[in-house]
Amino acid sequence: MSFYYTKQPSEIERVGVDFNNRLPSGNSVASATYVVIDPAGTDVTTTLTVTGSGSITDNDSDGTDDTASIKVQAGTTGIKYKLTIVATLTSNSIILEEDIVIDVKAR
């Protein structure tokens, strides 16, 4: 499943995925990686994300870390980037992955 997010070039906002509905019983998100690719396939993670802003949180206050997010910034108007979030769970060697399309538009 992919999600769609629109931002302006000057905005800096946190974007993420709530994995709660996909977590097997007894699991939570232990860590996550974040990669942003432009339409040409170039890795632009360091340009489009705020270094060190990746975060794992409990989105619904149930005591389970279920959400992986990162701050996104910059971007070129008219370009759609793909942010891939890969979450590693606490047990069973389970890895979950979601994509977010970041559409940069001047409004």
PDB file of N, CA and C in Angstrom:
ATOM      1  N   MET A   1       0.838  -1.167   0.000  1.00  0.00           N
ATOM      2  CA  MET A   1       0.000   0.000   0.000  1.00  0.00           C
ATOM      3  C   MET A   1       0.889   1.239   0.000  1.00  0.00           C
ATOM      4  N   SER A   2       0.508   2.248  -0.755  1.00  0.00           N
ATOM      5  CA  SER A   2       1.227   3.513  -0.763  1.00  0.00           C
ATOM      6  C   SER A   2       0.323   4.615  -0.238  1.00  0.00           C
ATOM      7  N   PHE A   3       0.947   5.588   0.382  1.00  0.00           N
ATOM      8  CA  PHE A   3       0.246   6.765   0.860  1.00  0.00           C
ATOM      9  C   PHE A   3       0.697   7.946   0.020  1.00  0.00           C
ATOM     10  N   TYR A   4      -0.106   9.012   0.015  1.00  0.00           N
ATOM     11  CA  TYR A   4       0.168  10.185  -0.800  1.00  0.00           C
ATOM     12  C   TYR A   4       0.211  11.401   0.112  1.00  0.00           C
ATOM     13  N   TYR A   5       1.218  12.235  -0.047  1.00  0.00           N
ATOM     14  CA  TYR A   5       1.403  13.412   0.793  1.00  0.00           C
ATOM     15  C   TYR A   5       1.828  14.569  -0.097  1.00  0.00           C
ATOM     16  N   THR A   6       1.195  15.726   0.067  1.00  0.00           N
ATOM     17  CA  THR A   6       1.537  16.925  -0.700  1.00  0.00           C
ATOM     18  C   THR A   6       2.155  17.962   0.225  1.00  0.00           C
ATOM     19  N   LYS A   7       3.237  18.577  -0.229  1.00  0.00           N
ATOM     20  CA  LYS A   7       3.897  19.621   0.558  1.00  0.00           C
ATOM     21  C   LYS A   7       4.429  20.707  -0.360  1.00  0.00           C
ATOM     22  N   GLN A   8       4.664  21.887   0.217  1.00  0.00           N
ATOM     23  CA  GLN A   8       5.320  22.975  -0.499  1.00  0.00           C
ATOM     24  C   GLN A   8       6.828  22.882  -0.245  1.00  0.00           C
ATOM     25  N   PRO A   9       7.644  23.424  -1.154  1.00  0.00           N
ATOM     26  CA  PRO A   9       9.096  23.296  -1.016  1.00  0.00           C
ATOM     27  C   PRO A   9       9.656  23.823   0.308  1.00  0.00           C
ATOM     28  N   SER A  10       9.055  24.864   0.864  1.00  0.00           N
ATOM     29  CA  SER A  10       9.603  25.469   2.085  1.00  0.00           C
ATOM     30  C   SER A  10       9.122  24.796   3.374  1.00  0.00           C
ATOM     31  N   GLU A  11       8.152  23.900   3.288  1.00  0.00           N
ATOM     32  CA  GLU A  11       7.605  23.268   4.484  1.00  0.00           C
ATOM     33  C   GLU A  11       8.541  22.196   5.046  1.00  0.00           C
ATOM     34  N   ILE A  12       8.562  22.108   6.374  1.00  0.00           N
ATOM     35  CA  ILE A  12       9.256  21.029   7.083  1.00  0.00           C
ATOM     36  C   ILE A  12       8.211  20.404   7.991  1.00  0.00           C
ATOM     37  N   GLU A  13       7.847  19.155   7.704  1.00  0.00           N
ATOM     38  CA  GLU A  13       6.795  18.477   8.451  1.00  0.00           C
ATOM     39  C   GLU A  13       7.167  17.021   8.701  1.00  0.00           C
ATOM     40  N   ARG A  14       6.603  16.451   9.768  1.00  0.00           N
ATOM     41  CA  ARG A  14       6.809  15.033  10.080  1.00  0.00           C
ATOM     42  C   ARG A  14       5.827  14.202   9.265  1.00  0.00           C
ATOM     43  N   VAL A  15       6.356  13.174   8.606  1.00  0.00           N
ATOM     44  CA  VAL A  15       5.557  12.264   7.795  1.00  0.00           C
ATOM     45  C   VAL A  15       5.880  10.842   8.245  1.00  0.00           C
ATOM     46  N   GLY A  16       4.857  10.008   8.338  1.00  0.00           N
ATOM     47  CA  GLY A  16       5.139   8.655   8.780  1.00  0.00           C
ATOM     48  C   GLY A  16       4.024   7.681   8.507  1.00  0.00           C
ATOM     49  N   VAL A  17       4.235   6.467   8.999  1.00  0.00           N
ATOM     50  CA  VAL A  17       3.281   5.378   8.791  1.00  0.00           C
ATOM     51  C   VAL A  17       2.950   4.750  10.140  1.00  0.00           C
ATOM     52  N   ASP A  18       1.664   4.567  10.386  1.00  0.00           N
ATOM     53  CA  ASP A  18       1.184   3.857  11.569  1.00  0.00           C
ATOM     54  C   ASP A  18       1.019   2.389  11.169  1.00  0.00           C
ATOM     55  N   PHE A  19       1.868   1.530  11.696  1.00  0.00           N
ATOM     56  CA  PHE A  19       1.846   0.102  11.369  1.00  0.00           C
ATOM     57  C   PHE A  19       0.932  -0.701  12.294  1.00  0.00           C
ATOM     58  N   ASN A  20       0.188  -0.041  13.173  1.00  0.00           N
ATOM     59  CA  ASN A  20      -0.585  -0.711  14.212  1.00  0.00           C
ATOM     60  C   ASN A  20      -1.445  -1.864  13.686  1.00  0.00           C
ATOM     61  N   ASN A  21      -2.151  -1.657  12.595  1.00  0.00           N
ATOM     62  CA  ASN A  21      -3.048  -2.695  12.063  1.00  0.00           C
ATOM     63  C   ASN A  21      -2.304  -3.879  11.449  1.00  0.00           C
ATOM     64  N   ARG A  22      -0.994  -3.746  11.262  1.00  0.00           N
ATOM     65  CA  ARG A  22      -0.210  -4.822  10.655  1.00  0.00           C
ATOM     66  C   ARG A  22       0.693  -5.540  11.658  1.00  0.00           C
ATOM     67  N   LEU A  23       0.703  -5.080  12.907  1.00  0.00           N
ATOM     68  CA  LEU A  23       1.592  -5.681  13.906  1.00  0.00           C
ATOM     69  C   LEU A  23       1.030  -7.001  14.428  1.00  0.00           C
ATOM     70  N   PRO A  24       1.810  -8.085  14.354  1.00  0.00           N
ATOM     71  CA  PRO A  24       1.386  -9.328  14.983  1.00  0.00           C
ATOM     72  C   PRO A  24       1.332  -9.134  16.495  1.00  0.00           C
ATOM     73  N   SER A  25       0.540  -9.919  17.158  1.00  0.00           N
ATOM     74  CA  SER A  25       0.401  -9.839  18.607  1.00  0.00           C
ATOM     75  C   SER A  25       1.758  -9.917  19.293  1.00  0.00           C
ATOM     76  N   GLY A  26       1.987  -9.022  20.256  1.00  0.00           N
ATOM     77  CA  GLY A  26       3.221  -9.029  21.022  1.00  0.00           C
ATOM     78  C   GLY A  26       4.388  -8.312  20.360  1.00  0.00           C
ATOM     79  N   ASN A  27       4.188  -7.736  19.182  1.00  0.00           N
ATOM     80  CA  ASN A  27       5.254  -7.048  18.470  1.00  0.00           C
ATOM     81  C   ASN A  27       5.043  -5.547  18.518  1.00  0.00           C
ATOM     82  N   SER A  28       6.143  -4.831  18.372  1.00  0.00           N
ATOM     83  CA  SER A  28       6.113  -3.392  18.190  1.00  0.00           C
ATOM     84  C   SER A  28       7.241  -3.037  17.228  1.00  0.00           C
ATOM     85  N   VAL A  29       7.276  -1.786  16.783  1.00  0.00           N
ATOM     86  CA  VAL A  29       8.338  -1.339  15.885  1.00  0.00           C
ATOM     87  C   VAL A  29       9.579  -1.061  16.723  1.00  0.00           C
ATOM     88  N   ALA A  30      10.665  -1.764  16.425  1.00  0.00           N
ATOM     89  CA  ALA A  30      11.920  -1.601  17.161  1.00  0.00           C
ATOM     90  C   ALA A  30      12.817  -0.548  16.520  1.00  0.00           C
ATOM     91  N   SER A  31      12.819  -0.504  15.184  1.00  0.00           N
ATOM     92  CA  SER A  31      13.660   0.448  14.464  1.00  0.00           C
ATOM     93  C   SER A  31      13.090   0.643  13.064  1.00  0.00           C
ATOM     94  N   ALA A  32      13.580   1.672  12.391  1.00  0.00           N
ATOM     95  CA  ALA A  32      13.114   1.932  11.026  1.00  0.00           C
ATOM     96  C   ALA A  32      14.210   2.612  10.226  1.00  0.00           C
ATOM     97  N   THR A  33      14.179   2.376   8.917  1.00  0.00           N
ATOM     98  CA  THR A  33      15.054   3.090   7.997  1.00  0.00           C
ATOM     99  C   THR A  33      14.179   3.887   7.050  1.00  0.00           C
ATOM    100  N   TYR A  34      14.748   4.961   6.529  1.00  0.00           N
ATOM    101  CA  TYR A  34      14.005   5.895   5.692  1.00  0.00           C
ATOM    102  C   TYR A  34      14.850   6.217   4.460  1.00  0.00           C
ATOM    103  N   VAL A  35      14.282   6.030   3.265  1.00  0.00           N
ATOM    104  CA  VAL A  35      14.996   6.329   2.034  1.00  0.00           C
ATOM    105  C   VAL A  35      14.055   7.105   1.110  1.00  0.00           C
ATOM    106  N   VAL A  36      14.572   8.205   0.533  1.00  0.00           N
ATOM    107  CA  VAL A  36      13.801   8.997  -0.422  1.00  0.00           C
ATOM    108  C   VAL A  36      14.481   8.908  -1.779  1.00  0.00           C
ATOM    109  N   ILE A  37      13.693   8.557  -2.787  1.00  0.00           N
ATOM    110  CA  ILE A  37      14.187   8.404  -4.161  1.00  0.00           C
ATOM    111  C   ILE A  37      13.456   9.397  -5.063  1.00  0.00           C
ATOM    112  N   ASP A  38      14.198  10.050  -5.972  1.00  0.00           N
ATOM    113  CA  ASP A  38      13.552  10.945  -6.933  1.00  0.00           C
ATOM    114  C   ASP A  38      13.105  10.151  -8.160  1.00  0.00           C
ATOM    115  N   PRO A  39      12.394  10.783  -9.116  1.00  0.00           N
ATOM    116  CA  PRO A  39      11.880  10.034 -10.276  1.00  0.00           C
ATOM    117  C   PRO A  39      12.958   9.365 -11.132  1.00  0.00           C
ATOM    118  N   ALA A  40      14.188   9.871 -11.066  1.00  0.00           N
ATOM    119  CA  ALA A  40      15.279   9.274 -11.845  1.00  0.00           C
ATOM    120  C   ALA A  40      15.913   8.086 -11.114  1.00  0.00           C
ATOM    121  N   GLY A  41      15.458   7.819  -9.877  1.00  0.00           N
ATOM    122  CA  GLY A  41      16.002   6.708  -9.111  1.00  0.00           C
ATOM    123  C   GLY A  41      17.184   7.082  -8.235  1.00  0.00           C
ATOM    124  N   THR A  42      17.451   8.378  -8.097  1.00  0.00           N
ATOM    125  CA  THR A  42      18.567   8.852  -7.290  1.00  0.00           C
ATOM    126  C   THR A  42      18.149   8.966  -5.827  1.00  0.00           C
ATOM    127  N   ASP A  43      19.007   8.509  -4.933  1.00  0.00           N
ATOM    128  CA  ASP A  43      18.756   8.618  -3.501  1.00  0.00           C
ATOM    129  C   ASP A  43      18.963  10.072  -3.074  1.00  0.00           C
ATOM    130  N   VAL A  44      17.884  10.727  -2.621  1.00  0.00           N
ATOM    131  CA  VAL A  44      17.935  12.123  -2.191  1.00  0.00           C
ATOM    132  C   VAL A  44      17.546  12.251  -0.712  1.00  0.00           C
ATOM    133  N   THR A  45      17.779  11.180   0.037  1.00  0.00           N
ATOM    134  CA  THR A  45      17.392  11.151   1.448  1.00  0.00           C
ATOM    135  C   THR A  45      17.994  12.309   2.230  1.00  0.00           C
ATOM    136  N   THR A  46      19.285  12.588   2.030  1.00  0.00           N
ATOM    137  CA  THR A  46      19.934  13.644   2.819  1.00  0.00           C
ATOM    138  C   THR A  46      19.417  15.037   2.460  1.00  0.00           C
ATOM    139  N   THR A  47      18.877  15.207   1.269  1.00  0.00           N
ATOM    140  CA  THR A  47      18.322  16.493   0.853  1.00  0.00           C
ATOM    141  C   THR A  47      16.900  16.675   1.346  1.00  0.00           C
ATOM    142  N   LEU A  48      16.098  15.614   1.312  1.00  0.00           N
ATOM    143  CA  LEU A  48      14.669  15.721   1.604  1.00  0.00           C
ATOM    144  C   LEU A  48      14.271  15.358   3.022  1.00  0.00           C
ATOM    145  N   THR A  49      15.200  14.909   3.847  1.00  0.00           N
ATOM    146  CA  THR A  49      14.855  14.617   5.243  1.00  0.00           C
ATOM    147  C   THR A  49      15.784  15.384   6.177  1.00  0.00           C
ATOM    148  N   VAL A  50      15.297  15.643   7.379  1.00  0.00           N
ATOM    149  CA  VAL A  50      16.097  16.303   8.400  1.00  0.00           C
ATOM    150  C   VAL A  50      16.915  15.225   9.107  1.00  0.00           C
ATOM    151  N   THR A  51      18.241  15.320   9.030  1.00  0.00           N
ATOM    152  CA  THR A  51      19.135  14.334   9.622  1.00  0.00           C
ATOM    153  C   THR A  51      18.830  14.128  11.103  1.00  0.00           C
ATOM    154  N   GLY A  52      18.709  12.870  11.494  1.00  0.00           N
ATOM    155  CA  GLY A  52      18.481  12.534  12.891  1.00  0.00           C
ATOM    156  C   GLY A  52      17.046  12.684  13.364  1.00  0.00           C
ATOM    157  N   SER A  53      16.107  12.939  12.452  1.00  0.00           N
ATOM    158  CA  SER A  53      14.722  13.178  12.873  1.00  0.00           C
ATOM    159  C   SER A  53      13.842  11.933  12.831  1.00  0.00           C
ATOM    160  N   GLY A  54      14.396  10.791  12.440  1.00  0.00           N
ATOM    161  CA  GLY A  54      13.610   9.558  12.435  1.00  0.00           C
ATOM    162  C   GLY A  54      13.132   9.232  13.839  1.00  0.00           C
ATOM    163  N   SER A  55      11.888   8.750  13.947  1.00  0.00           N
ATOM    164  CA  SER A  55      11.299   8.542  15.262  1.00  0.00           C
ATOM    165  C   SER A  55      10.361   7.335  15.254  1.00  0.00           C
ATOM    166  N   ILE A  56      10.371   6.600  16.364  1.00  0.00           N
ATOM    167  CA  ILE A  56       9.430   5.504  16.586  1.00  0.00           C
ATOM    168  C   ILE A  56       8.560   5.923  17.768  1.00  0.00           C
ATOM    169  N   THR A  57       7.233   5.923  17.602  1.00  0.00           N
ATOM    170  CA  THR A  57       6.338   6.390  18.663  1.00  0.00           C
ATOM    171  C   THR A  57       5.115   5.497  18.798  1.00  0.00           C
ATOM    172  N   ASP A  58       4.426   5.685  19.907  1.00  0.00           N
ATOM    173  CA  ASP A  58       3.155   5.026  20.189  1.00  0.00           C
ATOM    174  C   ASP A  58       2.059   5.998  19.758  1.00  0.00           C
ATOM    175  N   ASN A  59       1.504   5.793  18.577  1.00  0.00           N
ATOM    176  CA  ASN A  59       0.545   6.729  17.997  1.00  0.00           C
ATOM    177  C   ASN A  59      -0.810   6.745  18.706  1.00  0.00           C
ATOM    178  N   ASP A  60      -1.196   5.634  19.322  1.00  0.00           N
ATOM    179  CA  ASP A  60      -2.542   5.562  19.901  1.00  0.00           C
ATOM    180  C   ASP A  60      -2.543   5.329  21.416  1.00  0.00           C
ATOM    181  N   SER A  61      -1.410   5.540  22.061  1.00  0.00           N
ATOM    182  CA  SER A  61      -1.285   5.454  23.524  1.00  0.00           C
ATOM    183  C   SER A  61      -1.693   4.105  24.110  1.00  0.00           C
ATOM    184  N   ASP A  62      -1.458   3.020  23.362  1.00  0.00           N
ATOM    185  CA  ASP A  62      -1.784   1.695  23.885  1.00  0.00           C
ATOM    186  C   ASP A  62      -0.557   0.981  24.458  1.00  0.00           C
ATOM    187  N   GLY A  63       0.570   1.693  24.507  1.00  0.00           N
ATOM    188  CA  GLY A  63       1.785   1.115  25.057  1.00  0.00           C
ATOM    189  C   GLY A  63       2.645   0.386  24.054  1.00  0.00           C
ATOM    190  N   THR A  64       2.258   0.387  22.789  1.00  0.00           N
ATOM    191  CA  THR A  64       3.009  -0.294  21.735  1.00  0.00           C
ATOM    192  C   THR A  64       3.557   0.729  20.753  1.00  0.00           C
ATOM    193  N   ASP A  65       4.873   0.731  20.541  1.00  0.00           N
ATOM    194  CA  ASP A  65       5.455   1.608  19.531  1.00  0.00           C
ATOM    195  C   ASP A  65       5.049   1.092  18.163  1.00  0.00           C
ATOM    196  N   ASP A  66       4.193   1.857  17.478  1.00  0.00           N
ATOM    197  CA  ASP A  66       3.598   1.380  16.235  1.00  0.00           C
ATOM    198  C   ASP A  66       3.795   2.298  15.034  1.00  0.00           C
ATOM    199  N   THR A  67       4.396   3.457  15.236  1.00  0.00           N
ATOM    200  CA  THR A  67       4.503   4.445  14.163  1.00  0.00           C
ATOM    201  C   THR A  67       5.955   4.836  13.925  1.00  0.00           C
ATOM    202  N   ALA A  68       6.365   4.828  12.659  1.00  0.00           N
ATOM    203  CA  ALA A  68       7.696   5.278  12.255  1.00  0.00           C
ATOM    204  C   ALA A  68       7.528   6.542  11.431  1.00  0.00           C
ATOM    205  N   SER A  69       8.263   7.603  11.776  1.00  0.00           N
ATOM    206  CA  SER A  69       8.119   8.872  11.058  1.00  0.00           C
ATOM    207  C   SER A  69       9.461   9.582  10.952  1.00  0.00           C
ATOM    208  N   ILE A  70       9.501  10.557  10.047  1.00  0.00           N
ATOM    209  CA  ILE A  70      10.699  11.369   9.829  1.00  0.00           C
ATOM    210  C   ILE A  70      10.256  12.735   9.328  1.00  0.00           C
ATOM    211  N   LYS A  71      11.062  13.761   9.592  1.00  0.00           N
ATOM    212  CA  LYS A  71      10.751  15.091   9.090  1.00  0.00           C
ATOM    213  C   LYS A  71      11.230  15.205   7.640  1.00  0.00           C
ATOM    214  N   VAL A  72      10.347  15.706   6.779  1.00  0.00           N
ATOM    215  CA  VAL A  72      10.704  15.939   5.381  1.00  0.00           C
ATOM    216  C   VAL A  72      10.806  17.446   5.150  1.00  0.00           C
ATOM    217  N   GLN A  73      11.674  17.808   4.228  1.00  0.00           N
ATOM    218  CA  GLN A  73      11.930  19.215   3.935  1.00  0.00           C
ATOM    219  C   GLN A  73      12.239  19.376   2.454  1.00  0.00           C
ATOM    220  N   ALA A  74      12.270  20.623   2.018  1.00  0.00           N
ATOM    221  CA  ALA A  74      12.730  20.986   0.676  1.00  0.00           C
ATOM    222  C   ALA A  74      11.937  20.295  -0.439  1.00  0.00           C
ATOM    223  N   GLY A  75      12.605  19.998  -1.537  1.00  0.00           N
ATOM    224  CA  GLY A  75      11.968  19.400  -2.711  1.00  0.00           C
ATOM    225  C   GLY A  75      11.790  20.418  -3.813  1.00  0.00           C
ATOM    226  N   THR A  76      11.669  19.926  -5.011  1.00  0.00           N
ATOM    227  CA  THR A  76      11.483  20.762  -6.201  1.00  0.00           C
ATOM    228  C   THR A  76      10.031  20.716  -6.625  1.00  0.00           C
ATOM    229  N   THR A  77       9.438  21.891  -6.837  1.00  0.00           N
ATOM    230  CA  THR A  77       8.046  21.970  -7.265  1.00  0.00           C
ATOM    231  C   THR A  77       7.827  21.152  -8.531  1.00  0.00           C
ATOM    232  N   GLY A  78       6.760  20.347  -8.525  1.00  0.00           N
ATOM    233  CA  GLY A  78       6.412  19.528  -9.677  1.00  0.00           C
ATOM    234  C   GLY A  78       7.012  18.135  -9.661  1.00  0.00           C
ATOM    235  N   ILE A  79       7.829  17.839  -8.672  1.00  0.00           N
ATOM    236  CA  ILE A  79       8.482  16.527  -8.587  1.00  0.00           C
ATOM    237  C   ILE A  79       7.775  15.674  -7.538  1.00  0.00           C
ATOM    238  N   LYS A  80       7.590  14.393  -7.850  1.00  0.00           N
ATOM    239  CA  LYS A  80       7.053  13.423  -6.898  1.00  0.00           C
ATOM    240  C   LYS A  80       8.177  12.494  -6.475  1.00  0.00           C
ATOM    241  N   TYR A  81       8.427  12.464  -5.182  1.00  0.00           N
ATOM    242  CA  TYR A  81       9.465  11.630  -4.594  1.00  0.00           C
ATOM    243  C   TYR A  81       8.820  10.430  -3.908  1.00  0.00           C
ATOM    244  N   LYS A  82       9.587   9.351  -3.737  1.00  0.00           N
ATOM    245  CA  LYS A  82       9.080   8.187  -3.015  1.00  0.00           C
ATOM    246  C   LYS A  82       9.882   8.004  -1.732  1.00  0.00           C
ATOM    247  N   LEU A  83       9.176   8.128  -0.597  1.00  0.00           N
ATOM    248  CA  LEU A  83       9.768   7.851   0.712  1.00  0.00           C
ATOM    249  C   LEU A  83       9.397   6.424   1.087  1.00  0.00           C
ATOM    250  N   THR A  84      10.398   5.581   1.298  1.00  0.00           N
ATOM    251  CA  THR A  84      10.173   4.208   1.729  1.00  0.00           C
ATOM    252  C   THR A  84      10.570   4.087   3.194  1.00  0.00           C
ATOM    253  N   ILE A  85       9.628   3.588   4.006  1.00  0.00           N
ATOM    254  CA  ILE A  85       9.888   3.356   5.417  1.00  0.00           C
ATOM    255  C   ILE A  85       9.886   1.846   5.649  1.00  0.00           C
ATOM    256  N   VAL A  86      11.015   1.336   6.148  1.00  0.00           N
ATOM    257  CA  VAL A  86      11.153  -0.082   6.442  1.00  0.00           C
ATOM    258  C   VAL A  86      11.266  -0.222   7.957  1.00  0.00           C
ATOM    259  N   ALA A  87      10.272  -0.889   8.548  1.00  0.00           N
ATOM    260  CA  ALA A  87      10.222  -1.060  10.000  1.00  0.00           C
ATOM    261  C   ALA A  87      10.606  -2.482  10.379  1.00  0.00           C
ATOM    262  N   THR A  88      11.530  -2.595  11.327  1.00  0.00           N
ATOM    263  CA  THR A  88      11.906  -3.893  11.883  1.00  0.00           C
ATOM    264  C   THR A  88      11.179  -4.048  13.212  1.00  0.00           C
ATOM    265  N   LEU A  89      10.501  -5.174  13.382  1.00  0.00           N
ATOM    266  CA  LEU A  89       9.711  -5.403  14.594  1.00  0.00           C
ATOM    267  C   LEU A  89      10.556  -6.040  15.687  1.00  0.00           C
ATOM    268  N   THR A  90      10.005  -6.087  16.891  1.00  0.00           N
ATOM    269  CA  THR A  90      10.757  -6.536  18.064  1.00  0.00           C
ATOM    270  C   THR A  90      11.015  -8.028  18.118  1.00  0.00           C
ATOM    271  N   SER A  91      10.209  -8.823  17.442  1.00  0.00           N
ATOM    272  CA  SER A  91      10.439 -10.271  17.489  1.00  0.00           C
ATOM    273  C   SER A  91      10.030 -10.923  16.182  1.00  0.00           C
ATOM    274  N   ASN A  92      10.370 -12.180  16.045  1.00  0.00           N
ATOM    275  CA  ASN A  92      10.003 -13.000  14.888  1.00  0.00           C
ATOM    276  C   ASN A  92      10.656 -12.578  13.581  1.00  0.00           C
ATOM    277  N   SER A  93      11.693 -11.736  13.635  1.00  0.00           N
ATOM    278  CA  SER A  93      12.410 -11.291  12.430  1.00  0.00           C
ATOM    279  C   SER A  93      11.470 -10.747  11.360  1.00  0.00           C
ATOM    280  N   ILE A  94      10.454 -10.009  11.777  1.00  0.00           N
ATOM    281  CA  ILE A  94       9.475  -9.460  10.840  1.00  0.00           C
ATOM    282  C   ILE A  94       9.884  -8.058  10.428  1.00  0.00           C
ATOM    283  N   ILE A  95       9.792  -7.786   9.115  1.00  0.00           N
ATOM    284  CA  ILE A  95      10.080  -6.473   8.561  1.00  0.00           C
ATOM    285  C   ILE A  95       8.855  -6.036   7.760  1.00  0.00           C
ATOM    286  N   LEU A  96       8.388  -4.815   8.016  1.00  0.00           N
ATOM    287  CA  LEU A  96       7.261  -4.239   7.293  1.00  0.00           C
ATOM    288  C   LEU A  96       7.753  -3.041   6.499  1.00  0.00           C
ATOM    289  N   GLU A  97       7.144  -2.814   5.328  1.00  0.00           N
ATOM    290  CA  GLU A  97       7.573  -1.718   4.459  1.00  0.00           C
ATOM    291  C   GLU A  97       6.364  -0.991   3.900  1.00  0.00           C
ATOM    292  N   GLU A  98       6.446   0.339   3.872  1.00  0.00           N
ATOM    293  CA  GLU A  98       5.405   1.168   3.261  1.00  0.00           C
ATOM    294  C   GLU A  98       6.070   2.284   2.471  1.00  0.00           C
ATOM    295  N   ASP A  99       5.407   2.723   1.414  1.00  0.00           N
ATOM    296  CA  ASP A  99       5.872   3.840   0.596  1.00  0.00           C
ATOM    297  C   ASP A  99       4.934   5.025   0.749  1.00  0.00           C
ATOM    298  N   ILE A 100       5.522   6.213   0.733  1.00  0.00           N
ATOM    299  CA  ILE A 100       4.753   7.452   0.739  1.00  0.00           C
ATOM    300  C   ILE A 100       5.217   8.272  -0.455  1.00  0.00           C
ATOM    301  N   VAL A 101       4.292   8.644  -1.325  1.00  0.00           N
ATOM    302  CA  VAL A 101       4.602   9.528  -2.438  1.00  0.00           C
ATOM    303  C   VAL A 101       4.549  10.961  -1.911  1.00  0.00           C
ATOM    304  N   ILE A 102       5.649  11.683  -2.042  1.00  0.00           N
ATOM    305  CA  ILE A 102       5.712  13.081  -1.624  1.00  0.00           C
ATOM    306  C   ILE A 102       5.633  13.943  -2.873  1.00  0.00           C
ATOM    307  N   ASP A 103       4.519  14.622  -3.034  1.00  0.00           N
ATOM    308  CA  ASP A 103       4.270  15.479  -4.197  1.00  0.00           C
ATOM    309  C   ASP A 103       4.554  16.917  -3.801  1.00  0.00           C
ATOM    310  N   VAL A 104       5.585  17.511  -4.360  1.00  0.00           N
ATOM    311  CA  VAL A 104       5.959  18.886  -4.006  1.00  0.00           C
ATOM    312  C   VAL A 104       5.263  19.846  -4.961  1.00  0.00           C
ATOM    313  N   LYS A 105       4.443  20.733  -4.364  1.00  0.00           N
ATOM    314  CA  LYS A 105       3.669  21.709  -5.154  1.00  0.00           C
ATOM    315  C   LYS A 105       3.701  23.053  -4.475  1.00  0.00           C
ATOM    316  N   ALA A 106       3.861  24.111  -5.269  1.00  0.00           N
ATOM    317  CA  ALA A 106       3.701  25.461  -4.744  1.00  0.00           C
ATOM    318  C   ALA A 106       2.213  25.788  -4.836  1.00  0.00           C
ATOM    319  N   ARG A 107       1.611  26.112  -3.704  1.00  0.00           N
ATOM    320  CA  ARG A 107       0.157  26.356  -3.699  1.00  0.00           C
ATOM    321  C   ARG A 107      -0.152  27.820  -3.817  1.00  0.00           C
TER     322      ARG A 107
END
